[in-house]
Amino acid sequence: MPILGIIASQNYPRITNSYESIATVTVGSGGASYAEFTSISSTYQHLQVRAVVRSTSGGYAGVTFNSDTGNNYASHELYGNGSSASAGAYTTRADIPLMPSATSSAASTFTALIIDVLDYANTSKYKTLRSLEGWDANGSGYVELQSGLWQSTSAISTLRITCAYGQSWQQYSSFALYGIKG
């Protein structure tokens, strides 16, 4: 019997309500330089942001917590475009990956993005985040996996995702924050 059949035939508990929607931000016609979630309750184990985004001229976006814009963030990344792969690291910021721009050959393309913030309310350790994003433009595109660190033991109550280099999020970019139960 295949393993899948064995597991499927067992009566394992299934948790179907472990994600709880907290808030959603959708960018209007004027664009926005950031998306922010405030007054985040500390009742969950982890946080997850799910986003579909595009910026004015491509590039990166930064994540900040509790309005802390200091240099106590770090990140590592692995990325590829189908023909090459690369890696990078930053010691003073927690970036989220590259996205298509409204002026590029992928102008109608949005990036799909998931950011997990682990143990965000734990006050005895630094906060870790991981993100996965990508987009396709009919044969070209991009995919990236990234980890990040906020070197603070403070519980996270505010999460902001800001476009870098003076860019802004384009209309219809959407961000949804979920709490993950432990």
N, C-alpha and C. Protein backbone atom coordinates (compact mmCIF):
# COMPACT_ATOMS: atom_id res chain seq x y z
N MET A 1 0.86 -1.18 0.00
CA MET A 1 0.00 0.00 0.00
C MET A 1 0.90 1.24 0.00
N PRO A 2 0.63 2.22 -0.81
CA PRO A 2 1.44 3.44 -0.82
C PRO A 2 1.36 4.17 0.53
N ILE A 3 2.42 4.87 0.86
CA ILE A 3 2.47 5.60 2.12
C ILE A 3 1.33 6.59 2.22
N LEU A 4 1.04 7.30 1.14
CA LEU A 4 -0.05 8.26 1.16
C LEU A 4 -1.35 7.58 1.55
N GLY A 5 -1.61 6.40 1.03
CA GLY A 5 -2.81 5.66 1.38
C GLY A 5 -2.86 5.30 2.84
N ILE A 6 -1.71 4.95 3.41
CA ILE A 6 -1.64 4.61 4.83
C ILE A 6 -1.95 5.83 5.68
N ILE A 7 -1.31 6.94 5.35
CA ILE A 7 -1.53 8.16 6.13
C ILE A 7 -2.97 8.64 5.98
N ALA A 8 -3.48 8.62 4.76
CA ALA A 8 -4.85 9.08 4.52
C ALA A 8 -5.88 8.23 5.25
N SER A 9 -5.56 6.95 5.48
CA SER A 9 -6.53 6.08 6.13
C SER A 9 -6.51 6.22 7.65
N GLN A 10 -5.51 6.90 8.19
CA GLN A 10 -5.41 7.08 9.63
C GLN A 10 -6.35 8.19 10.09
N ASN A 11 -6.63 8.21 11.34
CA ASN A 11 -7.51 9.22 11.89
C ASN A 11 -6.69 10.29 12.61
N TYR A 12 -5.80 10.94 11.89
CA TYR A 12 -5.00 12.01 12.47
C TYR A 12 -5.86 13.25 12.65
N PRO A 13 -5.62 13.99 13.74
CA PRO A 13 -6.39 15.24 13.90
C PRO A 13 -5.98 16.22 12.81
N ARG A 14 -6.93 16.89 12.26
CA ARG A 14 -6.67 17.87 11.22
C ARG A 14 -7.05 19.25 11.74
N ILE A 15 -6.10 20.14 11.72
CA ILE A 15 -6.34 21.50 12.19
C ILE A 15 -6.68 22.36 10.98
N THR A 16 -7.91 22.76 10.89
CA THR A 16 -8.33 23.54 9.73
C THR A 16 -8.48 25.03 10.05
N ASN A 17 -8.39 25.39 11.30
CA ASN A 17 -8.58 26.79 11.67
C ASN A 17 -7.34 27.38 12.34
N SER A 18 -6.15 26.98 11.91
CA SER A 18 -4.94 27.45 12.55
C SER A 18 -4.51 28.84 12.05
N TYR A 19 -5.05 29.31 10.93
CA TYR A 19 -4.77 30.65 10.42
C TYR A 19 -5.99 31.53 10.66
N GLU A 20 -5.75 32.72 11.21
CA GLU A 20 -6.85 33.64 11.45
C GLU A 20 -6.54 34.97 10.78
N SER A 21 -7.45 35.44 9.96
CA SER A 21 -7.27 36.72 9.27
C SER A 21 -7.30 37.86 10.29
N ILE A 22 -6.29 38.72 10.24
CA ILE A 22 -6.20 39.86 11.15
C ILE A 22 -6.59 41.16 10.44
N ALA A 23 -5.97 41.42 9.28
CA ALA A 23 -6.25 42.68 8.57
C ALA A 23 -5.79 42.56 7.12
N THR A 24 -6.34 43.43 6.27
CA THR A 24 -5.97 43.49 4.86
C THR A 24 -5.77 44.94 4.45
N VAL A 25 -4.75 45.18 3.63
CA VAL A 25 -4.50 46.51 3.08
C VAL A 25 -4.44 46.37 1.56
N THR A 26 -5.24 47.16 0.85
CA THR A 26 -5.20 47.19 -0.61
C THR A 26 -4.90 48.61 -1.05
N VAL A 27 -3.93 48.76 -1.93
CA VAL A 27 -3.48 50.08 -2.37
C VAL A 27 -4.48 50.66 -3.37
N GLY A 28 -4.84 51.91 -3.16
CA GLY A 28 -5.79 52.61 -4.03
C GLY A 28 -5.10 53.24 -5.23
N SER A 29 -5.82 54.04 -5.95
CA SER A 29 -5.35 54.60 -7.22
C SER A 29 -4.16 55.53 -7.08
N GLY A 30 -3.93 56.13 -5.93
CA GLY A 30 -2.81 57.04 -5.75
C GLY A 30 -1.50 56.35 -5.41
N GLY A 31 -1.53 55.04 -5.19
CA GLY A 31 -0.32 54.33 -4.78
C GLY A 31 -0.04 54.59 -3.31
N ALA A 32 0.98 53.94 -2.78
CA ALA A 32 1.37 54.11 -1.37
C ALA A 32 2.82 53.69 -1.23
N SER A 33 3.58 54.38 -0.39
CA SER A 33 4.99 54.03 -0.22
C SER A 33 5.16 52.86 0.75
N TYR A 34 4.14 52.57 1.56
CA TYR A 34 4.24 51.45 2.49
C TYR A 34 2.85 50.87 2.79
N ALA A 35 2.86 49.66 3.30
CA ALA A 35 1.68 49.01 3.86
C ALA A 35 2.01 48.72 5.31
N GLU A 36 1.09 49.01 6.20
CA GLU A 36 1.40 48.87 7.63
C GLU A 36 0.24 48.21 8.37
N PHE A 37 0.62 47.33 9.30
CA PHE A 37 -0.33 46.70 10.21
C PHE A 37 0.05 47.14 11.62
N THR A 38 -0.89 47.69 12.36
CA THR A 38 -0.62 48.19 13.70
C THR A 38 -1.49 47.48 14.73
N SER A 39 -1.16 47.68 15.99
CA SER A 39 -1.90 47.10 17.12
C SER A 39 -2.10 45.60 16.96
N ILE A 40 -1.03 44.91 16.56
CA ILE A 40 -1.10 43.45 16.38
C ILE A 40 -1.15 42.78 17.74
N SER A 41 -2.18 42.00 17.96
CA SER A 41 -2.35 41.27 19.21
C SER A 41 -1.23 40.24 19.39
N SER A 42 -0.89 39.95 20.62
CA SER A 42 0.17 38.97 20.90
C SER A 42 -0.40 37.58 21.18
N THR A 43 -1.58 37.29 20.68
CA THR A 43 -2.26 36.03 21.00
C THR A 43 -1.93 34.88 20.07
N TYR A 44 -1.07 35.08 19.08
CA TYR A 44 -0.75 34.03 18.12
C TYR A 44 0.68 33.53 18.34
N GLN A 45 1.01 32.43 17.72
CA GLN A 45 2.38 31.90 17.78
C GLN A 45 3.27 32.60 16.75
N HIS A 46 2.75 32.75 15.53
CA HIS A 46 3.49 33.35 14.43
C HIS A 46 2.57 34.26 13.63
N LEU A 47 3.17 35.07 12.75
CA LEU A 47 2.42 35.91 11.82
C LEU A 47 2.76 35.50 10.40
N GLN A 48 1.82 35.73 9.48
CA GLN A 48 2.10 35.51 8.07
C GLN A 48 1.47 36.65 7.27
N VAL A 49 2.26 37.21 6.34
CA VAL A 49 1.76 38.20 5.40
C VAL A 49 1.69 37.52 4.04
N ARG A 50 0.55 37.62 3.40
CA ARG A 50 0.38 37.14 2.03
C ARG A 50 0.10 38.37 1.18
N ALA A 51 0.87 38.54 0.12
CA ALA A 51 0.73 39.75 -0.67
C ALA A 51 0.82 39.45 -2.16
N VAL A 52 0.17 40.31 -2.92
CA VAL A 52 0.27 40.33 -4.37
C VAL A 52 0.59 41.79 -4.69
N VAL A 53 1.83 42.05 -5.16
CA VAL A 53 2.31 43.43 -5.24
C VAL A 53 3.04 43.74 -6.54
N ARG A 54 3.10 45.05 -6.81
CA ARG A 54 3.91 45.58 -7.90
C ARG A 54 4.31 46.99 -7.49
N SER A 55 5.53 47.40 -7.84
CA SER A 55 5.99 48.74 -7.48
C SER A 55 6.17 49.61 -8.72
N THR A 56 6.45 50.89 -8.49
CA THR A 56 6.55 51.83 -9.61
C THR A 56 7.73 51.53 -10.52
N SER A 57 8.87 51.11 -9.96
CA SER A 57 10.03 50.86 -10.83
C SER A 57 10.83 49.64 -10.43
N GLY A 58 10.19 48.67 -9.80
CA GLY A 58 10.87 47.42 -9.44
C GLY A 58 11.77 47.60 -8.24
N GLY A 59 12.50 46.57 -7.93
CA GLY A 59 13.43 46.65 -6.81
C GLY A 59 12.91 45.97 -5.57
N TYR A 60 13.49 46.36 -4.46
CA TYR A 60 13.22 45.72 -3.18
C TYR A 60 12.29 46.54 -2.31
N ALA A 61 11.84 45.90 -1.26
CA ALA A 61 11.07 46.56 -0.22
C ALA A 61 11.67 46.14 1.11
N GLY A 62 11.52 46.97 2.11
CA GLY A 62 12.07 46.66 3.43
C GLY A 62 10.98 46.38 4.43
N VAL A 63 11.30 45.54 5.40
CA VAL A 63 10.38 45.23 6.49
C VAL A 63 10.93 45.86 7.76
N THR A 64 10.08 46.58 8.48
CA THR A 64 10.46 47.12 9.79
C THR A 64 9.39 46.73 10.81
N PHE A 65 9.82 46.60 12.04
CA PHE A 65 8.92 46.24 13.13
C PHE A 65 8.93 47.34 14.18
N ASN A 66 7.76 47.62 14.73
CA ASN A 66 7.60 48.58 15.83
C ASN A 66 8.26 49.93 15.53
N SER A 67 8.21 50.36 14.29
CA SER A 67 8.78 51.65 13.85
C SER A 67 10.28 51.75 14.07
N ASP A 68 10.97 50.63 14.20
CA ASP A 68 12.42 50.61 14.40
C ASP A 68 13.11 50.68 13.03
N THR A 69 13.75 51.81 12.75
CA THR A 69 14.46 51.98 11.48
C THR A 69 15.97 51.93 11.67
N GLY A 70 16.42 51.42 12.80
CA GLY A 70 17.86 51.29 13.07
C GLY A 70 18.51 50.20 12.23
N ASN A 71 19.80 50.03 12.41
CA ASN A 71 20.58 49.06 11.65
C ASN A 71 20.70 47.71 12.36
N ASN A 72 19.64 47.26 13.01
CA ASN A 72 19.70 45.99 13.72
C ASN A 72 18.88 44.90 13.03
N TYR A 73 18.90 44.93 11.70
CA TYR A 73 18.26 43.92 10.87
C TYR A 73 19.34 43.22 10.05
N ALA A 74 19.05 42.02 9.59
CA ALA A 74 19.96 41.30 8.70
C ALA A 74 19.13 40.37 7.82
N SER A 75 19.68 39.99 6.66
CA SER A 75 18.96 39.06 5.80
C SER A 75 19.92 38.31 4.88
N HIS A 76 19.47 37.15 4.42
CA HIS A 76 20.18 36.32 3.46
C HIS A 76 19.19 35.94 2.37
N GLU A 77 19.68 35.79 1.14
CA GLU A 77 18.77 35.48 0.05
C GLU A 77 19.38 34.53 -0.97
N LEU A 78 18.51 33.74 -1.57
CA LEU A 78 18.83 32.88 -2.72
C LEU A 78 17.82 33.23 -3.80
N TYR A 79 18.30 33.46 -5.02
CA TYR A 79 17.36 33.85 -6.07
C TYR A 79 17.83 33.36 -7.43
N GLY A 80 16.85 33.27 -8.33
CA GLY A 80 17.16 32.82 -9.68
C GLY A 80 16.12 33.29 -10.67
N ASN A 81 16.49 33.25 -11.95
CA ASN A 81 15.59 33.72 -13.00
C ASN A 81 15.38 32.67 -14.09
N GLY A 82 15.71 31.44 -13.84
CA GLY A 82 15.52 30.38 -14.82
C GLY A 82 16.77 30.07 -15.61
N SER A 83 17.71 31.01 -15.68
CA SER A 83 18.96 30.75 -16.39
C SER A 83 20.18 30.93 -15.50
N SER A 84 20.01 31.59 -14.37
CA SER A 84 21.13 31.75 -13.44
C SER A 84 20.58 31.85 -12.02
N ALA A 85 21.46 31.58 -11.07
CA ALA A 85 21.10 31.67 -9.66
C ALA A 85 22.18 32.44 -8.93
N SER A 86 21.81 33.04 -7.81
CA SER A 86 22.76 33.83 -7.06
C SER A 86 22.33 33.88 -5.60
N ALA A 87 23.14 34.53 -4.79
CA ALA A 87 22.87 34.67 -3.36
C ALA A 87 23.39 36.00 -2.88
N GLY A 88 22.89 36.44 -1.73
CA GLY A 88 23.35 37.70 -1.16
C GLY A 88 23.06 37.75 0.32
N ALA A 89 23.64 38.75 0.98
CA ALA A 89 23.43 38.95 2.41
C ALA A 89 23.51 40.44 2.72
N TYR A 90 22.74 40.88 3.71
CA TYR A 90 22.73 42.27 4.15
C TYR A 90 22.82 42.28 5.66
N THR A 91 23.62 43.16 6.20
CA THR A 91 23.82 43.18 7.65
C THR A 91 23.08 44.31 8.34
N THR A 92 22.41 45.17 7.62
CA THR A 92 21.75 46.30 8.27
C THR A 92 20.28 46.44 7.89
N ARG A 93 19.73 45.52 7.12
CA ARG A 93 18.33 45.66 6.73
C ARG A 93 17.70 44.29 6.48
N ALA A 94 16.39 44.24 6.56
CA ALA A 94 15.64 43.02 6.25
C ALA A 94 14.81 43.33 5.01
N ASP A 95 15.33 42.98 3.87
CA ASP A 95 14.64 43.24 2.61
C ASP A 95 13.74 42.08 2.25
N ILE A 96 12.72 42.41 1.47
CA ILE A 96 11.98 41.36 0.78
C ILE A 96 12.35 41.49 -0.68
N PRO A 97 12.19 40.44 -1.44
CA PRO A 97 12.81 40.31 -2.74
C PRO A 97 12.31 41.26 -3.83
N LEU A 98 13.01 41.12 -4.94
CA LEU A 98 12.74 41.89 -6.14
C LEU A 98 11.32 41.67 -6.63
N MET A 99 10.74 42.71 -7.20
CA MET A 99 9.40 42.61 -7.78
C MET A 99 9.39 43.29 -9.14
N PRO A 100 8.48 42.90 -10.01
CA PRO A 100 8.42 43.56 -11.31
C PRO A 100 7.94 44.99 -11.16
N SER A 101 8.34 45.84 -12.09
CA SER A 101 7.93 47.24 -12.02
C SER A 101 6.80 47.51 -13.00
N ALA A 102 6.11 48.60 -12.77
CA ALA A 102 5.02 49.00 -13.65
C ALA A 102 5.55 49.50 -15.00
N THR A 103 6.86 49.71 -15.11
CA THR A 103 7.43 50.23 -16.36
C THR A 103 8.27 49.19 -17.10
N SER A 104 8.34 47.97 -16.60
CA SER A 104 9.18 46.94 -17.22
C SER A 104 8.41 46.14 -18.25
N SER A 105 9.10 45.18 -18.85
CA SER A 105 8.44 44.29 -19.80
C SER A 105 7.39 43.43 -19.11
N ALA A 106 7.45 43.35 -17.79
CA ALA A 106 6.46 42.61 -17.01
C ALA A 106 5.49 43.57 -16.32
N ALA A 107 5.16 44.67 -17.02
CA ALA A 107 4.38 45.75 -16.41
C ALA A 107 3.02 45.31 -15.87
N SER A 108 2.43 44.29 -16.43
CA SER A 108 1.12 43.85 -15.94
C SER A 108 1.24 42.70 -14.95
N THR A 109 2.45 42.39 -14.53
CA THR A 109 2.71 41.26 -13.64
C THR A 109 2.82 41.71 -12.19
N PHE A 110 2.24 40.94 -11.31
CA PHE A 110 2.36 41.18 -9.88
C PHE A 110 3.20 40.07 -9.26
N THR A 111 3.90 40.37 -8.20
CA THR A 111 4.65 39.38 -7.44
C THR A 111 3.74 38.73 -6.42
N ALA A 112 3.82 37.42 -6.29
CA ALA A 112 3.17 36.70 -5.20
C ALA A 112 4.20 36.57 -4.09
N LEU A 113 3.85 36.93 -2.86
CA LEU A 113 4.80 37.01 -1.76
C LEU A 113 4.19 36.46 -0.49
N ILE A 114 4.97 35.65 0.23
CA ILE A 114 4.57 35.17 1.56
C ILE A 114 5.71 35.47 2.52
N ILE A 115 5.40 36.11 3.64
CA ILE A 115 6.39 36.41 4.68
C ILE A 115 5.90 35.77 5.98
N ASP A 116 6.72 34.93 6.59
CA ASP A 116 6.42 34.37 7.90
C ASP A 116 7.28 35.08 8.94
N VAL A 117 6.65 35.54 10.02
CA VAL A 117 7.37 36.14 11.14
C VAL A 117 7.21 35.18 12.31
N LEU A 118 8.30 34.53 12.69
CA LEU A 118 8.25 33.46 13.67
C LEU A 118 8.39 33.98 15.10
N ASP A 119 7.58 33.44 15.99
CA ASP A 119 7.64 33.77 17.43
C ASP A 119 7.65 35.27 17.67
N TYR A 120 6.80 36.00 16.97
CA TYR A 120 6.79 37.46 16.99
C TYR A 120 6.50 38.07 18.36
N ALA A 121 5.82 37.34 19.25
CA ALA A 121 5.47 37.88 20.56
C ALA A 121 6.40 37.40 21.66
N ASN A 122 7.34 36.54 21.35
CA ASN A 122 8.27 36.00 22.34
C ASN A 122 9.28 37.08 22.73
N THR A 123 9.35 37.42 23.99
CA THR A 123 10.23 38.50 24.45
C THR A 123 11.58 38.00 24.98
N SER A 124 11.90 36.74 24.70
CA SER A 124 13.19 36.23 25.16
C SER A 124 14.12 35.86 24.00
N LYS A 125 13.75 36.23 22.77
CA LYS A 125 14.65 35.94 21.66
C LYS A 125 14.44 36.93 20.52
N TYR A 126 15.43 37.01 19.64
CA TYR A 126 15.34 37.84 18.44
C TYR A 126 14.27 37.28 17.51
N LYS A 127 13.75 38.14 16.63
CA LYS A 127 12.68 37.73 15.72
C LYS A 127 13.25 37.32 14.37
N THR A 128 12.74 36.22 13.83
CA THR A 128 13.17 35.67 12.56
C THR A 128 12.03 35.77 11.56
N LEU A 129 12.38 36.10 10.32
CA LEU A 129 11.37 36.06 9.27
C LEU A 129 11.91 35.30 8.07
N ARG A 130 11.00 34.78 7.28
CA ARG A 130 11.38 34.10 6.04
C ARG A 130 10.35 34.51 5.00
N SER A 131 10.83 34.61 3.78
CA SER A 131 9.91 35.00 2.71
C SER A 131 10.19 34.18 1.46
N LEU A 132 9.15 34.02 0.69
CA LEU A 132 9.21 33.34 -0.59
C LEU A 132 8.38 34.17 -1.56
N GLU A 133 8.95 34.47 -2.70
CA GLU A 133 8.20 35.24 -3.68
C GLU A 133 8.62 34.87 -5.09
N GLY A 134 7.80 35.23 -6.02
CA GLY A 134 8.14 34.99 -7.42
C GLY A 134 7.11 35.56 -8.36
N TRP A 135 7.49 35.61 -9.61
CA TRP A 135 6.58 36.05 -10.67
C TRP A 135 7.04 35.47 -11.99
N ASP A 136 6.12 35.34 -12.90
CA ASP A 136 6.42 34.79 -14.21
C ASP A 136 5.96 35.76 -15.28
N ALA A 137 6.75 35.88 -16.35
CA ALA A 137 6.41 36.76 -17.47
C ALA A 137 6.55 35.98 -18.77
N ASN A 138 5.77 34.92 -18.89
CA ASN A 138 5.76 34.09 -20.10
C ASN A 138 7.15 33.62 -20.50
N GLY A 139 7.79 32.92 -19.61
CA GLY A 139 9.10 32.35 -19.91
C GLY A 139 10.25 33.01 -19.18
N SER A 140 10.08 34.25 -18.80
CA SER A 140 11.08 34.89 -17.93
C SER A 140 10.40 35.13 -16.59
N GLY A 141 11.15 35.45 -15.62
CA GLY A 141 10.57 35.68 -14.31
C GLY A 141 11.63 35.59 -13.24
N TYR A 142 11.20 35.33 -12.03
CA TYR A 142 12.10 35.44 -10.91
C TYR A 142 11.52 34.66 -9.73
N VAL A 143 12.39 34.05 -8.94
CA VAL A 143 11.97 33.41 -7.70
C VAL A 143 13.04 33.67 -6.64
N GLU A 144 12.60 33.88 -5.39
CA GLU A 144 13.56 34.16 -4.33
C GLU A 144 13.07 33.60 -3.00
N LEU A 145 14.03 33.10 -2.24
CA LEU A 145 13.82 32.63 -0.88
C LEU A 145 14.73 33.45 0.00
N GLN A 146 14.19 33.97 1.09
CA GLN A 146 14.98 34.86 1.93
C GLN A 146 14.70 34.62 3.41
N SER A 147 15.73 34.81 4.22
CA SER A 147 15.55 34.77 5.67
C SER A 147 15.98 36.12 6.22
N GLY A 148 15.38 36.51 7.32
CA GLY A 148 15.72 37.80 7.92
C GLY A 148 15.74 37.71 9.43
N LEU A 149 16.33 38.71 10.04
CA LEU A 149 16.47 38.76 11.49
C LEU A 149 16.26 40.19 11.97
N TRP A 150 15.46 40.36 13.01
CA TRP A 150 15.36 41.63 13.72
C TRP A 150 15.99 41.39 15.08
N GLN A 151 17.08 42.07 15.35
CA GLN A 151 17.83 41.85 16.57
C GLN A 151 17.22 42.63 17.73
N SER A 152 16.04 42.19 18.13
CA SER A 152 15.32 42.78 19.25
C SER A 152 14.49 41.69 19.92
N THR A 153 14.36 41.78 21.22
CA THR A 153 13.51 40.84 21.95
C THR A 153 12.12 41.41 22.19
N SER A 154 11.83 42.60 21.70
CA SER A 154 10.51 43.21 21.86
C SER A 154 9.45 42.41 21.10
N ALA A 155 8.27 42.32 21.67
CA ALA A 155 7.15 41.72 20.95
C ALA A 155 6.77 42.65 19.80
N ILE A 156 6.43 42.08 18.67
CA ILE A 156 6.08 42.88 17.50
C ILE A 156 4.60 43.26 17.58
N SER A 157 4.33 44.57 17.53
CA SER A 157 2.95 45.05 17.50
C SER A 157 2.65 45.85 16.24
N THR A 158 3.71 46.22 15.49
CA THR A 158 3.54 46.95 14.23
C THR A 158 4.47 46.36 13.19
N LEU A 159 3.95 46.13 12.00
CA LEU A 159 4.73 45.58 10.90
C LEU A 159 4.51 46.48 9.69
N ARG A 160 5.60 46.98 9.11
CA ARG A 160 5.52 47.87 7.95
C ARG A 160 6.37 47.31 6.82
N ILE A 161 5.81 47.32 5.61
CA ILE A 161 6.54 46.90 4.41
C ILE A 161 6.62 48.13 3.51
N THR A 162 7.85 48.62 3.31
CA THR A 162 8.07 49.88 2.61
C THR A 162 8.83 49.65 1.31
N CYS A 163 8.37 50.27 0.24
CA CYS A 163 9.12 50.24 -1.03
C CYS A 163 10.43 50.99 -0.85
N ALA A 164 11.49 50.45 -1.41
CA ALA A 164 12.81 51.07 -1.31
C ALA A 164 13.00 52.15 -2.36
N TYR A 165 13.96 53.01 -2.13
CA TYR A 165 14.44 53.99 -3.10
C TYR A 165 13.36 54.95 -3.59
N GLY A 166 12.45 55.35 -2.72
CA GLY A 166 11.43 56.33 -3.07
C GLY A 166 10.34 55.82 -3.99
N GLN A 167 10.23 54.52 -4.17
CA GLN A 167 9.18 53.96 -5.02
C GLN A 167 7.87 53.89 -4.25
N SER A 168 6.84 53.46 -4.93
CA SER A 168 5.57 53.23 -4.24
C SER A 168 4.90 51.98 -4.77
N TRP A 169 4.02 51.42 -3.95
CA TRP A 169 3.22 50.28 -4.36
C TRP A 169 2.20 50.76 -5.36
N GLN A 170 1.97 49.99 -6.40
CA GLN A 170 0.99 50.34 -7.43
C GLN A 170 -0.42 49.96 -6.99
N GLN A 171 -1.39 50.61 -7.63
CA GLN A 171 -2.79 50.33 -7.37
C GLN A 171 -3.05 48.82 -7.48
N TYR A 172 -3.90 48.32 -6.62
CA TYR A 172 -4.32 46.92 -6.52
C TYR A 172 -3.29 46.03 -5.81
N SER A 173 -2.13 46.55 -5.43
CA SER A 173 -1.26 45.76 -4.58
C SER A 173 -2.02 45.49 -3.29
N SER A 174 -1.93 44.25 -2.82
CA SER A 174 -2.74 43.86 -1.67
C SER A 174 -1.92 43.06 -0.67
N PHE A 175 -2.12 43.35 0.61
CA PHE A 175 -1.40 42.70 1.70
C PHE A 175 -2.43 42.17 2.70
N ALA A 176 -2.28 40.92 3.13
CA ALA A 176 -3.17 40.35 4.12
C ALA A 176 -2.33 39.78 5.26
N LEU A 177 -2.67 40.14 6.49
CA LEU A 177 -1.96 39.66 7.68
C LEU A 177 -2.79 38.58 8.35
N TYR A 178 -2.11 37.46 8.66
CA TYR A 178 -2.75 36.34 9.36
C TYR A 178 -2.00 36.03 10.64
N GLY A 179 -2.73 35.62 11.66
CA GLY A 179 -2.14 35.08 12.87
C GLY A 179 -2.17 33.58 12.78
N ILE A 180 -1.07 32.94 13.18
CA ILE A 180 -0.99 31.48 13.16
C ILE A 180 -1.02 30.99 14.60
N LYS A 181 -1.98 30.16 14.90
CA LYS A 181 -2.14 29.65 16.25
C LYS A 181 -1.10 28.59 16.52
N GLY A 182 -0.67 28.47 17.77
CA GLY A 182 0.37 27.52 18.14
C GLY A 182 -0.11 26.14 18.40
